[in-house]
Amino acid sequence: MQRQAQREERDQRAKRRNRVLVCAAAVPVMLVAAGCSSDSGSGDSTDKAAKAAASASAKPSPTVQAAAYGKLPEPCKVLSKKTLEDLVPKGKSGKEGKSDDISTRGSCSWNSLDNNGVKGSQFRWLNVSMLRFESDVTRGPADKLAQEHFEKQVQEAQAVEGAKSVKTEPVAGTGDQATAVHYDLKKKEGTFKQQTVVARVENVVVTLDYYGAGLAGDKTPSGSDMLKDAKKAAKEAVGAVSEANGEGGGKAGGAPSASASASKPASKAPSKEASDKPSKGASATPSKKPASKS
């Protein structure tokens, strides 16, 4: 009996040792499996992050078509001597407007007073202003911004306080689009005949203001003659812009660019104001209201 008990005890100890060995052997396998599982998860995460980064970098950055014109001509040289003699016969050299950046904004004005003594006098005032736009990824292409400013300028010319008999008409053969606005403006000095021609060529807007009056009893000038002169001068100014950018004034001859839209008078109803700021700050465009005789 004693021997049988000893054998059973030895058998039990042997079984316990076997169990310990089996468990000990199983632990490294579990660790290896766990390690593999952990490495696999980390690798998947890294791969996903790399793929996401690659996908993000593959997406193209926002782009916008570059502006066609990169500069403006000298404002006081956009009109020929002959044109100035016709429009402001007693005028002297033009007065250039102030600008923080002459590549984006420029203007020049001339005035003429033909004094006929007791018979009165003839007054004329002429101003040419130019505004060039740059393309912007948030605001849009330069020619679109210029078109918005073109429409705004026409609407402002139509809405001058005190204007009488306001008429608007398209102007052919001047840049990509052009509109003329003309009206009468009565003041104590006399009746002023106002002509405003707004033209767009590519990403540049040219605004020409021309008005005149017979003072001290002299006769009121012909509005139709003044409008004809204003259209001619505006076409010349647009040509100067094209020439300054190496196009030989071709746009002034009526060959519109691919971006041009049909020229038509803007509505008299004011629309939401379009952004018209150039790429850099500049001084404001001169007022379109006729000034009194000084």
C-alpha atoms as a PDB file:
ATOM      1  CA  MET A   1       0.000   0.000   0.000  1.00  0.00           C
ATOM      2  CA  GLN A   2       2.795   2.358   0.868  1.00  0.00           C
ATOM      3  CA  ARG A   3       4.513   1.660  -2.466  1.00  0.00           C
ATOM      4  CA  GLN A   4       1.302   2.278  -4.359  1.00  0.00           C
ATOM      5  CA  ALA A   5       0.844   5.589  -2.572  1.00  0.00           C
ATOM      6  CA  GLN A   6       4.403   6.637  -3.427  1.00  0.00           C
ATOM      7  CA  ARG A   7       3.867   5.758  -7.093  1.00  0.00           C
ATOM      8  CA  GLU A   8       0.684   7.811  -7.216  1.00  0.00           C
ATOM      9  CA  GLU A   9       2.501  10.758  -5.604  1.00  0.00           C
ATOM     10  CA  ARG A  10       5.354  10.499  -8.161  1.00  0.00           C
ATOM     11  CA  ASP A  11       2.801  10.341 -10.981  1.00  0.00           C
ATOM     12  CA  GLN A  12       1.066  13.473  -9.692  1.00  0.00           C
ATOM     13  CA  ARG A  13       4.378  15.375  -9.415  1.00  0.00           C
ATOM     14  CA  ALA A  14       5.272  14.327 -12.960  1.00  0.00           C
ATOM     15  CA  LYS A  15       1.911  15.561 -14.245  1.00  0.00           C
ATOM     16  CA  ARG A  16       2.427  18.914 -12.478  1.00  0.00           C
ATOM     17  CA  ARG A  17       5.912  19.305 -14.053  1.00  0.00           C
ATOM     18  CA  ASN A  18       4.491  18.532 -17.494  1.00  0.00           C
ATOM     19  CA  ARG A  19       1.791  21.167 -17.053  1.00  0.00           C
ATOM     20  CA  VAL A  20       4.380  23.762 -15.990  1.00  0.00           C
ATOM     21  CA  LEU A  21       6.561  22.973 -19.018  1.00  0.00           C
ATOM     22  CA  VAL A  22       3.614  23.186 -21.392  1.00  0.00           C
ATOM     23  CA  CYS A  23       2.584  26.553 -19.969  1.00  0.00           C
ATOM     24  CA  ALA A  24       6.160  27.828 -20.111  1.00  0.00           C
ATOM     25  CA  ALA A  25       6.403  26.831 -23.758  1.00  0.00           C
ATOM     26  CA  ALA A  26       3.087  28.489 -24.561  1.00  0.00           C
ATOM     27  CA  VAL A  27       4.090  31.898 -23.140  1.00  0.00           C
ATOM     28  CA  PRO A  28       6.732  32.784 -25.828  1.00  0.00           C
ATOM     29  CA  VAL A  29       4.302  31.738 -28.556  1.00  0.00           C
ATOM     30  CA  MET A  30       1.663  34.084 -27.155  1.00  0.00           C
ATOM     31  CA  LEU A  31       4.174  36.892 -26.862  1.00  0.00           C
ATOM     32  CA  VAL A  32       5.318  36.377 -30.422  1.00  0.00           C
ATOM     33  CA  ALA A  33       1.720  36.336 -31.648  1.00  0.00           C
ATOM     34  CA  ALA A  34       0.918  39.466 -29.690  1.00  0.00           C
ATOM     35  CA  GLY A  35       4.033  41.147 -31.056  1.00  0.00           C
ATOM     36  CA  CYS A  36       3.124  40.268 -34.604  1.00  0.00           C
ATOM     37  CA  SER A  37      -0.387  41.533 -34.072  1.00  0.00           C
ATOM     38  CA  SER A  38       0.933  44.809 -32.636  1.00  0.00           C
ATOM     39  CA  ASP A  39       3.442  45.315 -35.461  1.00  0.00           C
ATOM     40  CA  SER A  40       0.792  44.633 -38.048  1.00  0.00           C
ATOM     41  CA  GLY A  41      -1.558  47.272 -36.598  1.00  0.00           C
ATOM     42  CA  SER A  42       1.187  49.917 -36.447  1.00  0.00           C
ATOM     43  CA  GLY A  43       2.180  49.216 -40.029  1.00  0.00           C
ATOM     44  CA  ASP A  44      -1.405  49.584 -41.272  1.00  0.00           C
ATOM     45  CA  SER A  45      -1.760  52.915 -39.472  1.00  0.00           C
ATOM     46  CA  THR A  46       1.487  54.225 -40.925  1.00  0.00           C
ATOM     47  CA  ASP A  47       0.516  53.105 -44.428  1.00  0.00           C
ATOM     48  CA  LYS A  48      -2.869  54.791 -44.171  1.00  0.00           C
ATOM     49  CA  ALA A  49      -1.295  58.052 -43.011  1.00  0.00           C
ATOM     50  CA  ALA A  50       1.236  57.924 -45.835  1.00  0.00           C
ATOM     51  CA  LYS A  51      -1.504  57.270 -48.397  1.00  0.00           C
ATOM     52  CA  ALA A  52      -3.588  60.148 -47.039  1.00  0.00           C
ATOM     53  CA  ALA A  53      -0.615  62.511 -47.222  1.00  0.00           C
ATOM     54  CA  ALA A  54       0.165  61.393 -50.757  1.00  0.00           C
ATOM     55  CA  SER A  55      -3.455  61.881 -51.783  1.00  0.00           C
ATOM     56  CA  ALA A  56      -3.514  65.390 -50.302  1.00  0.00           C
ATOM     57  CA  SER A  57      -0.305  66.384 -52.040  1.00  0.00           C
ATOM     58  CA  ALA A  58      -1.595  65.010 -55.327  1.00  0.00           C
ATOM     59  CA  LYS A  59      -4.566  67.417 -55.344  1.00  0.00           C
ATOM     60  CA  PRO A  60      -3.733  70.525 -57.454  1.00  0.00           C
ATOM     61  CA  SER A  61      -3.542  73.903 -55.731  1.00  0.00           C
ATOM     62  CA  PRO A  62      -6.226  76.456 -56.708  1.00  0.00           C
ATOM     63  CA  THR A  63      -5.194  78.338 -59.837  1.00  0.00           C
ATOM     64  CA  VAL A  64      -6.545  81.274 -61.827  1.00  0.00           C
ATOM     65  CA  GLN A  65      -5.710  82.543 -65.297  1.00  0.00           C
ATOM     66  CA  ALA A  66      -2.969  85.174 -65.232  1.00  0.00           C
ATOM     67  CA  ALA A  67      -3.804  88.780 -66.112  1.00  0.00           C
ATOM     68  CA  ALA A  68      -3.267  89.622 -69.783  1.00  0.00           C
ATOM     69  CA  TYR A  69      -1.924  93.137 -69.211  1.00  0.00           C
ATOM     70  CA  GLY A  70       0.799  93.864 -66.681  1.00  0.00           C
ATOM     71  CA  LYS A  71       1.225  97.639 -66.901  1.00  0.00           C
ATOM     72  CA  LEU A  72      -0.346 100.961 -67.809  1.00  0.00           C
ATOM     73  CA  PRO A  73       0.890 103.770 -70.077  1.00  0.00           C
ATOM     74  CA  GLU A  74       1.785 107.185 -68.709  1.00  0.00           C
ATOM     75  CA  PRO A  75      -1.629 108.785 -68.075  1.00  0.00           C
ATOM     76  CA  CYS A  76      -0.816 112.196 -69.543  1.00  0.00           C
ATOM     77  CA  LYS A  77       0.519 110.610 -72.759  1.00  0.00           C
ATOM     78  CA  VAL A  78      -2.440 108.430 -73.714  1.00  0.00           C
ATOM     79  CA  LEU A  79      -3.892 111.148 -75.977  1.00  0.00           C
ATOM     80  CA  SER A  80      -2.182 112.740 -78.952  1.00  0.00           C
ATOM     81  CA  LYS A  81      -1.457 116.426 -79.240  1.00  0.00           C
ATOM     82  CA  LYS A  82      -4.015 116.723 -82.038  1.00  0.00           C
ATOM     83  CA  THR A  83      -6.761 115.147 -79.909  1.00  0.00           C
ATOM     84  CA  LEU A  84      -5.991 117.453 -76.999  1.00  0.00           C
ATOM     85  CA  GLU A  85      -6.098 120.478 -79.303  1.00  0.00           C
ATOM     86  CA  ASP A  86      -9.565 119.415 -80.468  1.00  0.00           C
ATOM     87  CA  LEU A  87     -11.013 118.681 -77.011  1.00  0.00           C
ATOM     88  CA  VAL A  88      -9.243 121.254 -74.809  1.00  0.00           C
ATOM     89  CA  PRO A  89      -7.956 123.872 -77.291  1.00  0.00           C
ATOM     90  CA  LYS A  90      -6.818 126.336 -74.630  1.00  0.00           C
ATOM     91  CA  GLY A  91      -5.516 123.670 -72.312  1.00  0.00           C
ATOM     92  CA  LYS A  92      -2.005 123.446 -71.011  1.00  0.00           C
ATOM     93  CA  SER A  93      -0.088 120.339 -69.973  1.00  0.00           C
ATOM     94  CA  GLY A  94      -2.135 117.673 -68.238  1.00  0.00           C
ATOM     95  CA  LYS A  95      -2.230 117.267 -64.476  1.00  0.00           C
ATOM     96  CA  GLU A  96      -1.416 113.708 -63.420  1.00  0.00           C
ATOM     97  CA  GLY A  97      -3.409 112.291 -60.519  1.00  0.00           C
ATOM     98  CA  LYS A  98      -1.728 110.809 -57.478  1.00  0.00           C
ATOM     99  CA  SER A  99      -1.296 107.035 -57.365  1.00  0.00           C
ATOM    100  CA  ASP A 100       0.300 104.649 -54.895  1.00  0.00           C
ATOM    101  CA  ASP A 101       1.106 102.258 -57.752  1.00  0.00           C
ATOM    102  CA  ILE A 102       1.268 103.587 -61.309  1.00  0.00           C
ATOM    103  CA  SER A 103       1.170 100.028 -62.687  1.00  0.00           C
ATOM    104  CA  THR A 104      -2.384  99.546 -61.389  1.00  0.00           C
ATOM    105  CA  ARG A 105      -3.930 103.023 -61.377  1.00  0.00           C
ATOM    106  CA  GLY A 106      -3.337 106.261 -63.243  1.00  0.00           C
ATOM    107  CA  SER A 107      -5.192 109.398 -64.311  1.00  0.00           C
ATOM    108  CA  CYS A 108      -4.640 112.733 -66.002  1.00  0.00           C
ATOM    109  CA  SER A 109      -6.853 115.793 -66.460  1.00  0.00           C
ATOM    110  CA  TRP A 110      -6.851 118.856 -68.709  1.00  0.00           C
ATOM    111  CA  ASN A 111      -8.993 122.001 -68.716  1.00  0.00           C
ATOM    112  CA  SER A 112      -9.521 124.773 -71.211  1.00  0.00           C
ATOM    113  CA  LEU A 113     -11.073 128.249 -70.958  1.00  0.00           C
ATOM    114  CA  ASP A 114     -11.527 130.149 -74.197  1.00  0.00           C
ATOM    115  CA  ASN A 115     -12.335 133.646 -72.964  1.00  0.00           C
ATOM    116  CA  ASN A 116     -14.141 135.822 -75.517  1.00  0.00           C
ATOM    117  CA  GLY A 117     -14.556 138.861 -73.300  1.00  0.00           C
ATOM    118  CA  VAL A 118     -18.036 140.355 -73.318  1.00  0.00           C
ATOM    119  CA  LYS A 119     -19.185 137.551 -75.598  1.00  0.00           C
ATOM    120  CA  GLY A 120     -18.614 135.040 -72.850  1.00  0.00           C
ATOM    121  CA  SER A 121     -16.298 132.038 -72.810  1.00  0.00           C
ATOM    122  CA  GLN A 122     -16.161 128.344 -73.552  1.00  0.00           C
ATOM    123  CA  PHE A 123     -15.073 125.955 -70.795  1.00  0.00           C
ATOM    124  CA  ARG A 124     -13.912 122.362 -71.319  1.00  0.00           C
ATOM    125  CA  TRP A 125     -12.662 119.722 -68.878  1.00  0.00           C
ATOM    126  CA  LEU A 126     -11.239 116.322 -69.787  1.00  0.00           C
ATOM    127  CA  ASN A 127     -10.107 113.453 -67.583  1.00  0.00           C
ATOM    128  CA  VAL A 128      -8.813 109.973 -68.394  1.00  0.00           C
ATOM    129  CA  SER A 129      -8.469 107.376 -65.641  1.00  0.00           C
ATOM    130  CA  MET A 130      -7.201 103.800 -65.900  1.00  0.00           C
ATOM    131  CA  LEU A 131      -7.515 100.905 -63.485  1.00  0.00           C
ATOM    132  CA  ARG A 132      -5.721  97.589 -63.975  1.00  0.00           C
ATOM    133  CA  PHE A 133      -6.708  94.386 -62.166  1.00  0.00           C
ATOM    134  CA  GLU A 134      -4.639  91.360 -61.164  1.00  0.00           C
ATOM    135  CA  SER A 135      -5.996  87.808 -61.032  1.00  0.00           C
ATOM    136  CA  ASP A 136      -6.689  86.476 -57.555  1.00  0.00           C
ATOM    137  CA  VAL A 137      -7.485  82.883 -56.533  1.00  0.00           C
ATOM    138  CA  THR A 138     -10.181  84.058 -54.127  1.00  0.00           C
ATOM    139  CA  ARG A 139     -11.710  86.906 -56.174  1.00  0.00           C
ATOM    140  CA  GLY A 140     -11.348  85.473 -59.664  1.00  0.00           C
ATOM    141  CA  PRO A 141      -9.565  86.195 -62.963  1.00  0.00           C
ATOM    142  CA  ALA A 142      -8.445  89.731 -63.726  1.00  0.00           C
ATOM    143  CA  ASP A 143     -10.682  90.260 -66.766  1.00  0.00           C
ATOM    144  CA  LYS A 144     -13.750  89.256 -64.735  1.00  0.00           C
ATOM    145  CA  LEU A 145     -12.845  91.754 -62.008  1.00  0.00           C
ATOM    146  CA  ALA A 146     -12.332  94.403 -64.676  1.00  0.00           C
ATOM    147  CA  GLN A 147     -15.742  93.658 -66.190  1.00  0.00           C
ATOM    148  CA  GLU A 148     -17.403  94.054 -62.790  1.00  0.00           C
ATOM    149  CA  HIS A 149     -15.702  97.442 -62.352  1.00  0.00           C
ATOM    150  CA  PHE A 150     -16.699  98.420 -65.889  1.00  0.00           C
ATOM    151  CA  GLU A 151     -20.362  97.790 -65.073  1.00  0.00           C
ATOM    152  CA  LYS A 152     -20.075  99.709 -61.814  1.00  0.00           C
ATOM    153  CA  GLN A 153     -18.546 102.721 -63.564  1.00  0.00           C
ATOM    154  CA  VAL A 154     -21.374 102.810 -66.096  1.00  0.00           C
ATOM    155  CA  GLN A 155     -23.976 102.655 -63.332  1.00  0.00           C
ATOM    156  CA  GLU A 156     -22.279 105.481 -61.448  1.00  0.00           C
ATOM    157  CA  ALA A 157     -22.265 107.652 -64.577  1.00  0.00           C
ATOM    158  CA  GLN A 158     -25.987 106.998 -65.037  1.00  0.00           C
ATOM    159  CA  ALA A 159     -26.793 107.926 -61.452  1.00  0.00           C
ATOM    160  CA  VAL A 160     -25.120 111.369 -61.148  1.00  0.00           C
ATOM    161  CA  GLU A 161     -27.266 113.638 -58.990  1.00  0.00           C
ATOM    162  CA  GLY A 162     -29.020 116.370 -60.947  1.00  0.00           C
ATOM    163  CA  ALA A 163     -28.374 114.798 -64.364  1.00  0.00           C
ATOM    164  CA  LYS A 164     -31.029 115.519 -66.997  1.00  0.00           C
ATOM    165  CA  SER A 165     -31.864 113.596 -70.181  1.00  0.00           C
ATOM    166  CA  VAL A 166     -29.521 110.712 -69.353  1.00  0.00           C
ATOM    167  CA  LYS A 167     -28.805 108.509 -72.364  1.00  0.00           C
ATOM    168  CA  THR A 168     -26.696 105.369 -72.619  1.00  0.00           C
ATOM    169  CA  GLU A 169     -25.355 103.698 -75.753  1.00  0.00           C
ATOM    170  CA  PRO A 170     -22.773 101.066 -76.686  1.00  0.00           C
ATOM    171  CA  VAL A 171     -19.536 102.166 -78.325  1.00  0.00           C
ATOM    172  CA  ALA A 172     -18.196  99.923 -81.058  1.00  0.00           C
ATOM    173  CA  GLY A 173     -14.552  99.337 -81.921  1.00  0.00           C
ATOM    174  CA  THR A 174     -13.168 100.361 -78.537  1.00  0.00           C
ATOM    175  CA  GLY A 175     -11.509  97.571 -76.576  1.00  0.00           C
ATOM    176  CA  ASP A 176     -13.474  94.494 -75.565  1.00  0.00           C
ATOM    177  CA  GLN A 177     -16.539  96.468 -74.486  1.00  0.00           C
ATOM    178  CA  ALA A 178     -17.407 100.148 -74.177  1.00  0.00           C
ATOM    179  CA  THR A 179     -20.416 102.229 -73.175  1.00  0.00           C
ATOM    180  CA  ALA A 180     -21.100 105.956 -73.412  1.00  0.00           C
ATOM    181  CA  VAL A 181     -23.321 107.839 -70.964  1.00  0.00           C
ATOM    182  CA  HIS A 182     -24.243 111.472 -71.719  1.00  0.00           C
ATOM    183  CA  TYR A 183     -26.539 113.983 -70.063  1.00  0.00           C
ATOM    184  CA  ASP A 184     -27.070 117.665 -69.214  1.00  0.00           C
ATOM    185  CA  LEU A 185     -26.254 119.199 -65.868  1.00  0.00           C
ATOM    186  CA  LYS A 186     -27.587 122.659 -65.129  1.00  0.00           C
ATOM    187  CA  LYS A 187     -25.592 124.923 -62.817  1.00  0.00           C
ATOM    188  CA  LYS A 188     -25.712 128.615 -62.099  1.00  0.00           C
ATOM    189  CA  GLU A 189     -22.813 129.193 -64.523  1.00  0.00           C
ATOM    190  CA  GLY A 190     -24.677 127.528 -67.384  1.00  0.00           C
ATOM    191  CA  THR A 191     -25.727 124.164 -68.815  1.00  0.00           C
ATOM    192  CA  PHE A 192     -22.911 121.624 -68.819  1.00  0.00           C
ATOM    193  CA  LYS A 193     -22.821 118.876 -71.426  1.00  0.00           C
ATOM    194  CA  GLN A 194     -21.352 115.756 -69.832  1.00  0.00           C
ATOM    195  CA  GLN A 195     -19.949 112.763 -71.740  1.00  0.00           C
ATOM    196  CA  THR A 196     -18.578 109.663 -70.003  1.00  0.00           C
ATOM    197  CA  VAL A 197     -17.139 106.762 -71.965  1.00  0.00           C
ATOM    198  CA  VAL A 198     -16.234 103.599 -70.036  1.00  0.00           C
ATOM    199  CA  ALA A 199     -14.208 100.950 -71.849  1.00  0.00           C
ATOM    200  CA  ARG A 200     -12.627  97.633 -70.890  1.00  0.00           C
ATOM    201  CA  VAL A 201      -9.672  96.095 -72.669  1.00  0.00           C
ATOM    202  CA  GLU A 202      -8.613  92.759 -71.147  1.00  0.00           C
ATOM    203  CA  ASN A 203      -8.029  93.451 -67.422  1.00  0.00           C
ATOM    204  CA  VAL A 204      -7.912  97.263 -67.702  1.00  0.00           C
ATOM    205  CA  VAL A 205     -10.822  99.694 -67.409  1.00  0.00           C
ATOM    206  CA  VAL A 206     -10.509 103.143 -69.005  1.00  0.00           C
ATOM    207  CA  THR A 207     -12.961 105.878 -67.976  1.00  0.00           C
ATOM    208  CA  LEU A 208     -12.993 109.115 -69.952  1.00  0.00           C
ATOM    209  CA  ASP A 209     -14.971 112.121 -68.730  1.00  0.00           C
ATOM    210  CA  TYR A 210     -15.452 115.139 -70.962  1.00  0.00           C
ATOM    211  CA  TYR A 211     -17.730 118.063 -70.308  1.00  0.00           C
ATOM    212  CA  GLY A 212     -18.125 121.667 -71.368  1.00  0.00           C
ATOM    213  CA  ALA A 213     -20.302 124.727 -71.079  1.00  0.00           C
ATOM    214  CA  GLY A 214     -20.783 128.188 -72.496  1.00  0.00           C
ATOM    215  CA  LEU A 215     -20.164 130.661 -69.684  1.00  0.00           C
ATOM    216  CA  ALA A 216     -21.090 134.323 -69.181  1.00  0.00           C
ATOM    217  CA  GLY A 217     -23.747 134.199 -71.867  1.00  0.00           C
ATOM    218  CA  ASP A 218     -21.850 132.203 -74.490  1.00  0.00           C
ATOM    219  CA  LYS A 219     -23.784 129.474 -76.282  1.00  0.00           C
ATOM    220  CA  THR A 220     -24.026 125.937 -74.921  1.00  0.00           C
ATOM    221  CA  PRO A 221     -21.738 123.538 -76.831  1.00  0.00           C
ATOM    222  CA  SER A 222     -23.171 120.781 -79.007  1.00  0.00           C
ATOM    223  CA  GLY A 223     -23.630 117.602 -77.003  1.00  0.00           C
ATOM    224  CA  SER A 224     -23.454 115.404 -80.106  1.00  0.00           C
ATOM    225  CA  ASP A 225     -20.143 116.971 -81.166  1.00  0.00           C
ATOM    226  CA  MET A 226     -18.709 116.515 -77.701  1.00  0.00           C
ATOM    227  CA  LEU A 227     -19.866 112.886 -77.593  1.00  0.00           C
ATOM    228  CA  LYS A 228     -18.180 112.214 -80.922  1.00  0.00           C
ATOM    229  CA  ASP A 229     -14.924 113.720 -79.599  1.00  0.00           C
ATOM    230  CA  ALA A 230     -15.185 111.750 -76.347  1.00  0.00           C
ATOM    231  CA  LYS A 231     -15.611 108.448 -78.194  1.00  0.00           C
ATOM    232  CA  LYS A 232     -12.606 109.211 -80.381  1.00  0.00           C
ATOM    233  CA  ALA A 233     -10.464 110.062 -77.358  1.00  0.00           C
ATOM    234  CA  ALA A 234     -11.564 106.949 -75.461  1.00  0.00           C
ATOM    235  CA  LYS A 235     -10.617 104.742 -78.398  1.00  0.00           C
ATOM    236  CA  GLU A 236      -7.211 106.409 -78.508  1.00  0.00           C
ATOM    237  CA  ALA A 237      -6.672 105.886 -74.779  1.00  0.00           C
ATOM    238  CA  VAL A 238      -7.594 102.193 -75.048  1.00  0.00           C
ATOM    239  CA  GLY A 239      -5.126 101.875 -77.908  1.00  0.00           C
ATOM    240  CA  ALA A 240      -2.406 103.383 -75.710  1.00  0.00           C
ATOM    241  CA  VAL A 241      -3.075 100.715 -73.062  1.00  0.00           C
ATOM    242  CA  SER A 242      -2.720  97.924 -75.622  1.00  0.00           C
ATOM    243  CA  GLU A 243       0.444  99.465 -77.059  1.00  0.00           C
ATOM    244  CA  ALA A 244       1.995  99.722 -73.607  1.00  0.00           C
ATOM    245  CA  ASN A 245       1.548  95.955 -73.290  1.00  0.00           C
ATOM    246  CA  GLY A 246       2.999  95.136 -76.696  1.00  0.00           C
ATOM    247  CA  GLU A 247      -0.230  94.705 -78.687  1.00  0.00           C
ATOM    248  CA  GLY A 248       0.178  97.621 -81.054  1.00  0.00           C
ATOM    249  CA  GLY A 249      -3.201  99.115 -80.192  1.00  0.00           C
ATOM    250  CA  GLY A 250      -5.020  96.209 -81.835  1.00  0.00           C
ATOM    251  CA  LYS A 251      -7.740  96.175 -79.206  1.00  0.00           C
ATOM    252  CA  ALA A 252      -8.672  99.746 -80.041  1.00  0.00           C
ATOM    253  CA  GLY A 253      -9.503  98.639 -83.558  1.00  0.00           C
ATOM    254  CA  GLY A 254     -12.346  96.455 -82.398  1.00  0.00           C
ATOM    255  CA  ALA A 255     -10.707  93.000 -82.244  1.00  0.00           C
ATOM    256  CA  PRO A 256     -12.067  91.681 -78.933  1.00  0.00           C
ATOM    257  CA  SER A 257     -10.161  89.213 -76.804  1.00  0.00           C
ATOM    258  CA  ALA A 258     -11.343  85.665 -76.151  1.00  0.00           C
ATOM    259  CA  SER A 259     -12.606  86.776 -72.747  1.00  0.00           C
ATOM    260  CA  ALA A 260     -14.734  89.604 -74.139  1.00  0.00           C
ATOM    261  CA  SER A 261     -18.469  89.593 -73.707  1.00  0.00           C
ATOM    262  CA  ALA A 262     -20.982  91.418 -75.861  1.00  0.00           C
ATOM    263  CA  SER A 263     -20.922  95.151 -75.257  1.00  0.00           C
ATOM    264  CA  LYS A 264     -24.246  96.401 -73.999  1.00  0.00           C
ATOM    265  CA  PRO A 265     -25.395  99.310 -71.834  1.00  0.00           C
ATOM    266  CA  ALA A 266     -25.546  98.519 -68.147  1.00  0.00           C
ATOM    267  CA  SER A 267     -28.882  98.612 -66.372  1.00  0.00           C
ATOM    268  CA  LYS A 268     -29.786 101.831 -64.622  1.00  0.00           C
ATOM    269  CA  ALA A 269     -30.884  99.868 -61.582  1.00  0.00           C
ATOM    270  CA  PRO A 270     -27.920  99.752 -59.160  1.00  0.00           C
ATOM    271  CA  SER A 271     -26.624  96.239 -58.583  1.00  0.00           C
ATOM    272  CA  LYS A 272     -24.692  94.841 -55.677  1.00  0.00           C
ATOM    273  CA  GLU A 273     -21.372  96.652 -55.653  1.00  0.00           C
ATOM    274  CA  ALA A 274     -18.620  94.550 -57.173  1.00  0.00           C
ATOM    275  CA  SER A 275     -15.192  94.513 -55.642  1.00  0.00           C
ATOM    276  CA  ASP A 276     -13.004  96.886 -57.615  1.00  0.00           C
ATOM    277  CA  LYS A 277      -9.805  97.101 -55.638  1.00  0.00           C
ATOM    278  CA  PRO A 278      -6.582  96.597 -57.555  1.00  0.00           C
ATOM    279  CA  SER A 279      -3.776  94.435 -56.341  1.00  0.00           C
ATOM    280  CA  LYS A 280      -2.281  97.392 -54.458  1.00  0.00           C
ATOM    281  CA  GLY A 281      -3.783 100.463 -52.814  1.00  0.00           C
ATOM    282  CA  ALA A 282      -4.213 103.620 -54.867  1.00  0.00           C
ATOM    283  CA  SER A 283      -5.921 106.971 -54.760  1.00  0.00           C
ATOM    284  CA  ALA A 284      -9.562 107.388 -55.739  1.00  0.00           C
ATOM    285  CA  THR A 285     -10.761 108.117 -59.280  1.00  0.00           C
ATOM    286  CA  PRO A 286     -11.496 111.842 -59.810  1.00  0.00           C
ATOM    287  CA  SER A 287     -15.111 112.924 -59.443  1.00  0.00           C
ATOM    288  CA  LYS A 288     -17.257 112.901 -62.556  1.00  0.00           C
ATOM    289  CA  LYS A 289     -19.305 115.943 -61.490  1.00  0.00           C
ATOM    290  CA  PRO A 290     -18.588 119.111 -63.495  1.00  0.00           C
ATOM    291  CA  ALA A 291     -16.739 121.746 -61.527  1.00  0.00           C
ATOM    292  CA  SER A 292     -17.635 125.392 -61.509  1.00  0.00           C
ATOM    293  CA  LYS A 293     -15.503 127.918 -63.302  1.00  0.00           C
ATOM    294  CA  SER A 294     -12.556 128.801 -61.108  1.00  0.00           C
END
